[in-house]
């Protein structure tokens, strides 16, 4: 029969997350040492950080553009409708 275990103290989630983060960082450091030469680690990290910053800036720019396009969508449609009547004016029918 299974035994029910009760805890006297509540689980500290923050401590668990910190511990997990430290373990993840240790694994990353170990992997870094494994895939790069010891004199090249700093350059590798700098390039990785630079690449991540570029990615974040690109995502941020895309969000700004999407928000801008959404904000001016109705205005663009209204302007297009204003020119609807003269759009094909003067064109020969083919």
PDB file of N, CA and C in Angstrom:
ATOM      1  N   UNK A   1       0.838  -1.171   0.000  1.00  0.00           N
ATOM      2  CA  UNK A   1       0.000   0.000   0.000  1.00  0.00           C
ATOM      3  C   UNK A   1       0.888   1.241   0.000  1.00  0.00           C
ATOM      4  N   UNK A   2       0.485   2.263  -0.746  1.00  0.00           N
ATOM      5  CA  UNK A   2       1.269   3.500  -0.846  1.00  0.00           C
ATOM      6  C   UNK A   2       1.197   4.275   0.449  1.00  0.00           C
ATOM      7  N   UNK A   3       2.299   4.895   0.759  1.00  0.00           N
ATOM      8  CA  UNK A   3       2.376   5.667   1.983  1.00  0.00           C
ATOM      9  C   UNK A   3       2.220   7.143   1.653  1.00  0.00           C
ATOM     10  N   UNK A   4       1.400   7.841   2.395  1.00  0.00           N
ATOM     11  CA  UNK A   4       1.178   9.273   2.178  1.00  0.00           C
ATOM     12  C   UNK A   4       2.203  10.044   2.992  1.00  0.00           C
ATOM     13  N   UNK A   5       2.909  10.934   2.305  1.00  0.00           N
ATOM     14  CA  UNK A   5       3.936  11.731   2.967  1.00  0.00           C
ATOM     15  C   UNK A   5       3.426  13.156   3.083  1.00  0.00           C
ATOM     16  N   UNK A   6       3.500  13.709   4.247  1.00  0.00           N
ATOM     17  CA  UNK A   6       3.081  15.104   4.438  1.00  0.00           C
ATOM     18  C   UNK A   6       4.307  15.934   4.768  1.00  0.00           C
ATOM     19  N   UNK A   7       4.284  17.198   4.352  1.00  0.00           N
ATOM     20  CA  UNK A   7       5.391  18.114   4.621  1.00  0.00           C
ATOM     21  C   UNK A   7       5.015  19.015   5.781  1.00  0.00           C
ATOM     22  N   UNK A   8       5.995  19.279   6.603  1.00  0.00           N
ATOM     23  CA  UNK A   8       5.766  20.199   7.711  1.00  0.00           C
ATOM     24  C   UNK A   8       5.933  21.643   7.262  1.00  0.00           C
ATOM     25  N   UNK A   9       6.897  21.892   6.372  1.00  0.00           N
ATOM     26  CA  UNK A   9       7.160  23.251   5.897  1.00  0.00           C
ATOM     27  C   UNK A   9       6.714  23.367   4.447  1.00  0.00           C
ATOM     28  N   UNK A  10       6.239  24.558   4.060  1.00  0.00           N
ATOM     29  CA  UNK A  10       5.832  24.731   2.658  1.00  0.00           C
ATOM     30  C   UNK A  10       7.043  24.679   1.730  1.00  0.00           C
ATOM     31  N   UNK A  11       6.801  24.301   0.501  1.00  0.00           N
ATOM     32  CA  UNK A  11       7.865  24.230  -0.499  1.00  0.00           C
ATOM     33  C   UNK A  11       8.232  25.654  -0.916  1.00  0.00           C
ATOM     34  N   UNK A  12       9.511  25.941  -0.932  1.00  0.00           N
ATOM     35  CA  UNK A  12       9.985  27.259  -1.343  1.00  0.00           C
ATOM     36  C   UNK A  12      10.242  27.232  -2.852  1.00  0.00           C
ATOM     37  N   UNK A  13       9.271  27.722  -3.614  1.00  0.00           N
ATOM     38  CA  UNK A  13       9.354  27.694  -5.080  1.00  0.00           C
ATOM     39  C   UNK A  13      10.528  28.528  -5.576  1.00  0.00           C
ATOM     40  N   UNK A  14      10.749  29.686  -4.985  1.00  0.00           N
ATOM     41  CA  UNK A  14      11.853  30.556  -5.405  1.00  0.00           C
ATOM     42  C   UNK A  14      13.196  29.839  -5.262  1.00  0.00           C
ATOM     43  N   UNK A  15      13.374  29.120  -4.175  1.00  0.00           N
ATOM     44  CA  UNK A  15      14.625  28.385  -3.964  1.00  0.00           C
ATOM     45  C   UNK A  15      14.772  27.281  -5.004  1.00  0.00           C
ATOM     46  N   UNK A  16      13.673  26.610  -5.335  1.00  0.00           N
ATOM     47  CA  UNK A  16      13.738  25.566  -6.349  1.00  0.00           C
ATOM     48  C   UNK A  16      14.101  26.142  -7.712  1.00  0.00           C
ATOM     49  N   UNK A  17      13.503  27.272  -8.061  1.00  0.00           N
ATOM     50  CA  UNK A  17      13.815  27.911  -9.341  1.00  0.00           C
ATOM     51  C   UNK A  17      15.263  28.373  -9.392  1.00  0.00           C
ATOM     52  N   UNK A  18      15.760  28.920  -8.288  1.00  0.00           N
ATOM     53  CA  UNK A  18      17.154  29.358  -8.222  1.00  0.00           C
ATOM     54  C   UNK A  18      18.085  28.166  -8.376  1.00  0.00           C
ATOM     55  N   UNK A  19      17.768  27.077  -7.692  1.00  0.00           N
ATOM     56  CA  UNK A  19      18.589  25.875  -7.780  1.00  0.00           C
ATOM     57  C   UNK A  19      18.580  25.329  -9.206  1.00  0.00           C
ATOM     58  N   UNK A  20      17.412  25.300  -9.835  1.00  0.00           N
ATOM     59  CA  UNK A  20      17.303  24.818 -11.204  1.00  0.00           C
ATOM     60  C   UNK A  20      18.102  25.718 -12.141  1.00  0.00           C
ATOM     61  N   UNK A  21      18.037  27.026 -11.916  1.00  0.00           N
ATOM     62  CA  UNK A  21      18.775  27.976 -12.742  1.00  0.00           C
ATOM     63  C   UNK A  21      20.279  27.750 -12.619  1.00  0.00           C
ATOM     64  N   UNK A  22      20.743  27.494 -11.401  1.00  0.00           N
ATOM     65  CA  UNK A  22      22.172  27.252 -11.193  1.00  0.00           C
ATOM     66  C   UNK A  22      22.608  25.956 -11.875  1.00  0.00           C
ATOM     67  N   UNK A  23      21.753  24.947 -11.812  1.00  0.00           N
ATOM     68  CA  UNK A  23      22.071  23.679 -12.468  1.00  0.00           C
ATOM     69  C   UNK A  23      22.133  23.882 -13.976  1.00  0.00           C
ATOM     70  N   UNK A  24      21.160  24.619 -14.527  1.00  0.00           N
ATOM     71  CA  UNK A  24      21.145  24.899 -15.966  1.00  0.00           C
ATOM     72  C   UNK A  24      22.393  25.673 -16.370  1.00  0.00           C
ATOM     73  N   UNK A  25      22.779  26.651 -15.573  1.00  0.00           N
ATOM     74  CA  UNK A  25      23.966  27.445 -15.892  1.00  0.00           C
ATOM     75  C   UNK A  25      25.230  26.591 -15.829  1.00  0.00           C
ATOM     76  N   UNK A  26      25.277  25.693 -14.880  1.00  0.00           N
ATOM     77  CA  UNK A  26      26.434  24.805 -14.774  1.00  0.00           C
ATOM     78  C   UNK A  26      26.507  23.900 -16.002  1.00  0.00           C
ATOM     79  N   UNK A  27      25.371  23.420 -16.462  1.00  0.00           N
ATOM     80  CA  UNK A  27      25.337  22.572 -17.651  1.00  0.00           C
ATOM     81  C   UNK A  27      25.765  23.364 -18.883  1.00  0.00           C
ATOM     82  N   UNK A  28      25.322  24.608 -18.969  1.00  0.00           N
ATOM     83  CA  UNK A  28      25.713  25.459 -20.097  1.00  0.00           C
ATOM     84  C   UNK A  28      27.216  25.705 -20.069  1.00  0.00           C
ATOM     85  N   UNK A  29      27.751  26.008 -18.897  1.00  0.00           N
ATOM     86  CA  UNK A  29      29.193  26.246 -18.777  1.00  0.00           C
ATOM     87  C   UNK A  29      29.988  24.999 -19.167  1.00  0.00           C
ATOM     88  N   UNK A  30      29.511  23.849 -18.735  1.00  0.00           N
ATOM     89  CA  UNK A  30      30.182  22.593 -19.081  1.00  0.00           C
ATOM     90  C   UNK A  30      30.150  22.365 -20.595  1.00  0.00           C
ATOM     91  N   UNK A  31      29.005  22.619 -21.211  1.00  0.00           N
ATOM     92  CA  UNK A  31      28.859  22.454 -22.657  1.00  0.00           C
ATOM     93  C   UNK A  31      29.757  23.444 -23.400  1.00  0.00           C
ATOM     94  N   UNK A  32      29.826  24.673 -22.908  1.00  0.00           N
ATOM     95  CA  UNK A  32      30.687  25.687 -23.521  1.00  0.00           C
ATOM     96  C   UNK A  32      32.147  25.233 -23.507  1.00  0.00           C
ATOM     97  N   UNK A  33      32.586  24.719 -22.382  1.00  0.00           N
ATOM     98  CA  UNK A  33      33.967  24.231 -22.288  1.00  0.00           C
ATOM     99  C   UNK A  33      34.207  23.065 -23.239  1.00  0.00           C
ATOM    100  N   UNK A  34      33.183  22.276 -23.455  1.00  0.00           N
ATOM    101  CA  UNK A  34      33.303  21.105 -24.311  1.00  0.00           C
ATOM    102  C   UNK A  34      33.393  21.480 -25.798  1.00  0.00           C
ATOM    103  N   UNK A  35      32.665  22.509 -26.222  1.00  0.00           N
ATOM    104  CA  UNK A  35      32.602  22.822 -27.650  1.00  0.00           C
ATOM    105  C   UNK A  35      33.551  23.928 -28.098  1.00  0.00           C
ATOM    106  N   UNK A  36      34.178  24.636 -27.173  1.00  0.00           N
ATOM    107  CA  UNK A  36      35.096  25.713 -27.568  1.00  0.00           C
ATOM    108  C   UNK A  36      36.457  25.525 -26.905  1.00  0.00           C
ATOM    109  N   UNK A  37      37.449  26.084 -27.543  1.00  0.00           N
ATOM    110  CA  UNK A  37      38.784  26.090 -26.941  1.00  0.00           C
ATOM    111  C   UNK A  37      38.773  27.079 -25.775  1.00  0.00           C
ATOM    112  N   UNK A  38      39.577  26.838 -24.776  1.00  0.00           N
ATOM    113  CA  UNK A  38      39.535  27.666 -23.567  1.00  0.00           C
ATOM    114  C   UNK A  38      39.826  29.140 -23.845  1.00  0.00           C
ATOM    115  N   UNK A  39      40.657  29.450 -24.814  1.00  0.00           N
ATOM    116  CA  UNK A  39      40.985  30.839 -25.136  1.00  0.00           C
ATOM    117  C   UNK A  39      39.929  31.501 -26.023  1.00  0.00           C
ATOM    118  N   UNK A  40      38.956  30.729 -26.495  1.00  0.00           N
ATOM    119  CA  UNK A  40      37.940  31.251 -27.407  1.00  0.00           C
ATOM    120  C   UNK A  40      36.565  31.398 -26.748  1.00  0.00           C
ATOM    121  N   UNK A  41      36.454  31.029 -25.480  1.00  0.00           N
ATOM    122  CA  UNK A  41      35.161  31.050 -24.818  1.00  0.00           C
ATOM    123  C   UNK A  41      34.584  32.461 -24.696  1.00  0.00           C
ATOM    124  N   UNK A  42      35.404  33.410 -24.356  1.00  0.00           N
ATOM    125  CA  UNK A  42      34.940  34.788 -24.196  1.00  0.00           C
ATOM    126  C   UNK A  42      34.387  35.332 -25.513  1.00  0.00           C
ATOM    127  N   UNK A  43      35.094  35.074 -26.600  1.00  0.00           N
ATOM    128  CA  UNK A  43      34.649  35.522 -27.914  1.00  0.00           C
ATOM    129  C   UNK A  43      33.337  34.840 -28.288  1.00  0.00           C
ATOM    130  N   UNK A  44      33.237  33.543 -28.004  1.00  0.00           N
ATOM    131  CA  UNK A  44      32.021  32.793 -28.301  1.00  0.00           C
ATOM    132  C   UNK A  44      30.830  33.386 -27.559  1.00  0.00           C
ATOM    133  N   UNK A  45      31.002  33.654 -26.277  1.00  0.00           N
ATOM    134  CA  UNK A  45      29.925  34.222 -25.459  1.00  0.00           C
ATOM    135  C   UNK A  45      29.548  35.610 -25.971  1.00  0.00           C
ATOM    136  N   UNK A  46      30.531  36.439 -26.281  1.00  0.00           N
ATOM    137  CA  UNK A  46      30.256  37.783 -26.790  1.00  0.00           C
ATOM    138  C   UNK A  46      29.464  37.722 -28.096  1.00  0.00           C
ATOM    139  N   UNK A  47      29.844  36.816 -28.993  1.00  0.00           N
ATOM    140  CA  UNK A  47      29.128  36.678 -30.266  1.00  0.00           C
ATOM    141  C   UNK A  47      27.713  36.160 -30.042  1.00  0.00           C
ATOM    142  N   UNK A  48      27.538  35.245 -29.097  1.00  0.00           N
ATOM    143  CA  UNK A  48      26.209  34.708 -28.803  1.00  0.00           C
ATOM    144  C   UNK A  48      25.298  35.800 -28.230  1.00  0.00           C
ATOM    145  N   UNK A  49      25.848  36.613 -27.352  1.00  0.00           N
ATOM    146  CA  UNK A  49      25.073  37.712 -26.759  1.00  0.00           C
ATOM    147  C   UNK A  49      24.708  38.726 -27.839  1.00  0.00           C
ATOM    148  N   UNK A  50      25.657  39.050 -28.692  1.00  0.00           N
ATOM    149  CA  UNK A  50      25.409  39.989 -29.785  1.00  0.00           C
ATOM    150  C   UNK A  50      24.297  39.463 -30.701  1.00  0.00           C
ATOM    151  N   UNK A  51      24.348  38.187 -31.032  1.00  0.00           N
ATOM    152  CA  UNK A  51      23.331  37.575 -31.890  1.00  0.00           C
ATOM    153  C   UNK A  51      21.961  37.627 -31.212  1.00  0.00           C
ATOM    154  N   UNK A  52      21.908  37.336 -29.922  1.00  0.00           N
ATOM    155  CA  UNK A  52      20.633  37.350 -29.189  1.00  0.00           C
ATOM    156  C   UNK A  52      20.068  38.764 -29.138  1.00  0.00           C
ATOM    157  N   UNK A  53      20.913  39.755 -28.940  1.00  0.00           N
ATOM    158  CA  UNK A  53      20.457  41.146 -28.925  1.00  0.00           C
ATOM    159  C   UNK A  53      19.874  41.526 -30.280  1.00  0.00           C
ATOM    160  N   UNK A  54      20.527  41.119 -31.361  1.00  0.00           N
ATOM    161  CA  UNK A  54      20.008  41.403 -32.705  1.00  0.00           C
ATOM    162  C   UNK A  54      18.644  40.756 -32.898  1.00  0.00           C
ATOM    163  N   UNK A  55      18.500  39.510 -32.453  1.00  0.00           N
ATOM    164  CA  UNK A  55      17.218  38.811 -32.581  1.00  0.00           C
ATOM    165  C   UNK A  55      16.122  39.536 -31.813  1.00  0.00           C
ATOM    166  N   UNK A  56      16.427  39.958 -30.590  1.00  0.00           N
ATOM    167  CA  UNK A  56      15.435  40.657 -29.773  1.00  0.00           C
ATOM    168  C   UNK A  56      15.043  41.989 -30.403  1.00  0.00           C
ATOM    169  N   UNK A  57      16.034  42.725 -30.935  1.00  0.00           N
ATOM    170  CA  UNK A  57      15.737  43.987 -31.602  1.00  0.00           C
ATOM    171  C   UNK A  57      14.882  43.762 -32.839  1.00  0.00           C
ATOM    172  N   UNK A  58      15.170  42.700 -33.593  1.00  0.00           N
ATOM    173  CA  UNK A  58      14.393  42.377 -34.788  1.00  0.00           C
ATOM    174  C   UNK A  58      12.948  42.067 -34.414  1.00  0.00           C
ATOM    175  N   UNK A  59      12.747  41.271 -33.368  1.00  0.00           N
ATOM    176  CA  UNK A  59      11.392  40.935 -32.918  1.00  0.00           C
ATOM    177  C   UNK A  59      10.659  42.191 -32.458  1.00  0.00           C
ATOM    178  N   UNK A  60      11.380  43.059 -31.751  1.00  0.00           N
ATOM    179  CA  UNK A  60      10.777  44.300 -31.279  1.00  0.00           C
ATOM    180  C   UNK A  60      10.375  45.183 -32.464  1.00  0.00           C
ATOM    181  N   UNK A  61      11.221  45.282 -33.475  1.00  0.00           N
ATOM    182  CA  UNK A  61      10.916  46.084 -34.653  1.00  0.00           C
ATOM    183  C   UNK A  61       9.715  45.510 -35.398  1.00  0.00           C
ATOM    184  N   UNK A  62       9.657  44.194 -35.531  1.00  0.00           N
ATOM    185  CA  UNK A  62       8.522  43.567 -36.191  1.00  0.00           C
ATOM    186  C   UNK A  62       7.221  43.864 -35.458  1.00  0.00           C
ATOM    187  N   UNK A  63       7.264  43.844 -34.126  1.00  0.00           N
ATOM    188  CA  UNK A  63       6.069  44.146 -33.332  1.00  0.00           C
ATOM    189  C   UNK A  63       5.648  45.596 -33.540  1.00  0.00           C
ATOM    190  N   UNK A  64       6.599  46.512 -33.552  1.00  0.00           N
ATOM    191  CA  UNK A  64       6.293  47.927 -33.778  1.00  0.00           C
ATOM    192  C   UNK A  64       5.658  48.112 -35.157  1.00  0.00           C
ATOM    193  N   UNK A  65       6.215  47.450 -36.173  1.00  0.00           N
ATOM    194  CA  UNK A  65       5.661  47.551 -37.524  1.00  0.00           C
ATOM    195  C   UNK A  65       4.247  46.986 -37.595  1.00  0.00           C
ATOM    196  N   UNK A  66       4.039  45.820 -37.007  1.00  0.00           N
ATOM    197  CA  UNK A  66       2.705  45.217 -37.023  1.00  0.00           C
ATOM    198  C   UNK A  66       1.709  46.136 -36.331  1.00  0.00           C
ATOM    199  N   UNK A  67       2.085  46.665 -35.173  1.00  0.00           N
ATOM    200  CA  UNK A  67       1.193  47.578 -34.451  1.00  0.00           C
ATOM    201  C   UNK A  67       0.903  48.825 -35.279  1.00  0.00           C
ATOM    202  N   UNK A  68       1.908  49.341 -35.960  1.00  0.00           N
ATOM    203  CA  UNK A  68       1.728  50.520 -36.804  1.00  0.00           C
ATOM    204  C   UNK A  68       0.815  50.239 -37.979  1.00  0.00           C
ATOM    205  N   UNK A  69       1.015  49.088 -38.618  1.00  0.00           N
ATOM    206  CA  UNK A  69       0.154  48.711 -39.743  1.00  0.00           C
ATOM    207  C   UNK A  69      -1.289  48.548 -39.283  1.00  0.00           C
ATOM    208  N   UNK A  70      -1.481  47.935 -38.132  1.00  0.00           N
ATOM    209  CA  UNK A  70      -2.832  47.755 -37.603  1.00  0.00           C
ATOM    210  C   UNK A  70      -3.478  49.096 -37.279  1.00  0.00           C
ATOM    211  N   UNK A  71      -2.686  50.009 -36.728  1.00  0.00           N
ATOM    212  CA  UNK A  71      -3.215  51.311 -36.344  1.00  0.00           C
ATOM    213  C   UNK A  71      -3.629  52.147 -37.549  1.00  0.00           C
ATOM    214  N   UNK A  72      -2.949  51.993 -38.672  1.00  0.00           N
ATOM    215  CA  UNK A  72      -3.255  52.811 -39.858  1.00  0.00           C
ATOM    216  C   UNK A  72      -4.057  52.056 -40.915  1.00  0.00           C
ATOM    217  N   UNK A  73      -4.506  50.864 -40.591  1.00  0.00           N
ATOM    218  CA  UNK A  73      -5.235  50.033 -41.548  1.00  0.00           C
ATOM    219  C   UNK A  73      -6.494  50.732 -42.059  1.00  0.00           C
ATOM    220  N   UNK A  74      -7.313  51.237 -41.155  1.00  0.00           N
ATOM    221  CA  UNK A  74      -8.570  51.886 -41.548  1.00  0.00           C
ATOM    222  C   UNK A  74      -8.295  53.133 -42.381  1.00  0.00           C
ATOM    223  N   UNK A  75      -7.285  53.870 -42.009  1.00  0.00           N
ATOM    224  CA  UNK A  75      -6.927  55.072 -42.765  1.00  0.00           C
ATOM    225  C   UNK A  75      -6.519  54.707 -44.195  1.00  0.00           C
ATOM    226  N   UNK A  76      -5.731  53.659 -44.355  1.00  0.00           N
ATOM    227  CA  UNK A  76      -5.302  53.212 -45.677  1.00  0.00           C
ATOM    228  C   UNK A  76      -6.471  52.777 -46.540  1.00  0.00           C
ATOM    229  N   UNK A  77      -7.429  52.061 -45.928  1.00  0.00           N
ATOM    230  CA  UNK A  77      -8.614  51.626 -46.671  1.00  0.00           C
ATOM    231  C   UNK A  77      -9.440  52.835 -47.090  1.00  0.00           C
ATOM    232  N   UNK A  78      -9.584  53.819 -46.211  1.00  0.00           N
ATOM    233  CA  UNK A  78     -10.352  55.025 -46.537  1.00  0.00           C
ATOM    234  C   UNK A  78      -9.705  55.789 -47.691  1.00  0.00           C
ATOM    235  N   UNK A  79      -8.402  55.909 -47.701  1.00  0.00           N
ATOM    236  CA  UNK A  79      -7.693  56.608 -48.783  1.00  0.00           C
ATOM    237  C   UNK A  79      -7.874  55.853 -50.101  1.00  0.00           C
ATOM    238  N   UNK A  80      -7.797  54.543 -50.050  1.00  0.00           N
ATOM    239  CA  UNK A  80      -7.998  53.735 -51.256  1.00  0.00           C
ATOM    240  C   UNK A  80      -9.399  53.948 -51.818  1.00  0.00           C
ATOM    241  N   UNK A  81     -10.401  53.997 -50.942  1.00  0.00           N
ATOM    242  CA  UNK A  81     -11.781  54.208 -51.392  1.00  0.00           C
ATOM    243  C   UNK A  81     -11.937  55.597 -52.011  1.00  0.00           C
ATOM    244  N   UNK A  82     -11.219  56.587 -51.513  1.00  0.00           N
ATOM    245  CA  UNK A  82     -11.287  57.944 -52.068  1.00  0.00           C
ATOM    246  C   UNK A  82     -10.863  57.960 -53.537  1.00  0.00           C
ATOM    247  N   UNK A  83      -9.940  57.124 -53.909  1.00  0.00           N
ATOM    248  CA  UNK A  83      -9.418  57.095 -55.276  1.00  0.00           C
ATOM    249  C   UNK A  83     -10.076  56.018 -56.145  1.00  0.00           C
ATOM    250  N   UNK A  84     -11.025  55.325 -55.582  1.00  0.00           N
ATOM    251  CA  UNK A  84     -11.692  54.234 -56.297  1.00  0.00           C
ATOM    252  C   UNK A  84     -12.341  54.707 -57.603  1.00  0.00           C
ATOM    253  N   UNK A  85     -12.976  55.859 -57.560  1.00  0.00           N
ATOM    254  CA  UNK A  85     -13.711  56.330 -58.738  1.00  0.00           C
ATOM    255  C   UNK A  85     -12.794  56.739 -59.883  1.00  0.00           C
ATOM    256  N   UNK A  86     -11.575  57.151 -59.592  1.00  0.00           N
ATOM    257  CA  UNK A  86     -10.642  57.598 -60.648  1.00  0.00           C
ATOM    258  C   UNK A  86      -9.541  56.590 -60.935  1.00  0.00           C
ATOM    259  N   UNK A  87      -9.631  55.469 -60.306  1.00  0.00           N
ATOM    260  CA  UNK A  87      -8.587  54.452 -60.439  1.00  0.00           C
ATOM    261  C   UNK A  87      -8.361  54.034 -61.897  1.00  0.00           C
ATOM    262  N   UNK A  88      -9.407  53.788 -62.629  1.00  0.00           N
ATOM    263  CA  UNK A  88      -9.277  53.326 -64.006  1.00  0.00           C
ATOM    264  C   UNK A  88      -9.687  54.402 -65.012  1.00  0.00           C
ATOM    265  N   UNK A  89      -9.854  55.614 -64.528  1.00  0.00           N
ATOM    266  CA  UNK A  89     -10.262  56.713 -65.418  1.00  0.00           C
ATOM    267  C   UNK A  89      -9.196  56.968 -66.488  1.00  0.00           C
ATOM    268  N   UNK A  90      -9.620  57.038 -67.731  1.00  0.00           N
ATOM    269  CA  UNK A  90      -8.701  57.318 -68.819  1.00  0.00           C
ATOM    270  C   UNK A  90      -8.032  56.088 -69.387  1.00  0.00           C
ATOM    271  N   UNK A  91      -8.287  54.926 -68.846  1.00  0.00           N
ATOM    272  CA  UNK A  91      -7.716  53.700 -69.365  1.00  0.00           C
ATOM    273  C   UNK A  91      -8.644  53.108 -70.421  1.00  0.00           C
ATOM    274  N   UNK A  92      -8.084  52.630 -71.458  1.00  0.00           N
ATOM    275  CA  UNK A  92      -8.890  51.969 -72.477  1.00  0.00           C
ATOM    276  C   UNK A  92      -9.324  50.605 -71.958  1.00  0.00           C
ATOM    277  N   UNK A  93     -10.528  50.224 -72.367  1.00  0.00           N
ATOM    278  CA  UNK A  93     -11.011  48.892 -71.990  1.00  0.00           C
ATOM    279  C   UNK A  93     -10.317  47.857 -72.854  1.00  0.00           C
ATOM    280  N   UNK A  94      -9.797  46.855 -72.280  1.00  0.00           N
ATOM    281  CA  UNK A  94      -9.095  45.806 -73.028  1.00  0.00           C
ATOM    282  C   UNK A  94      -9.937  44.572 -73.120  1.00  0.00           C
TER     283      UNK A  94
END
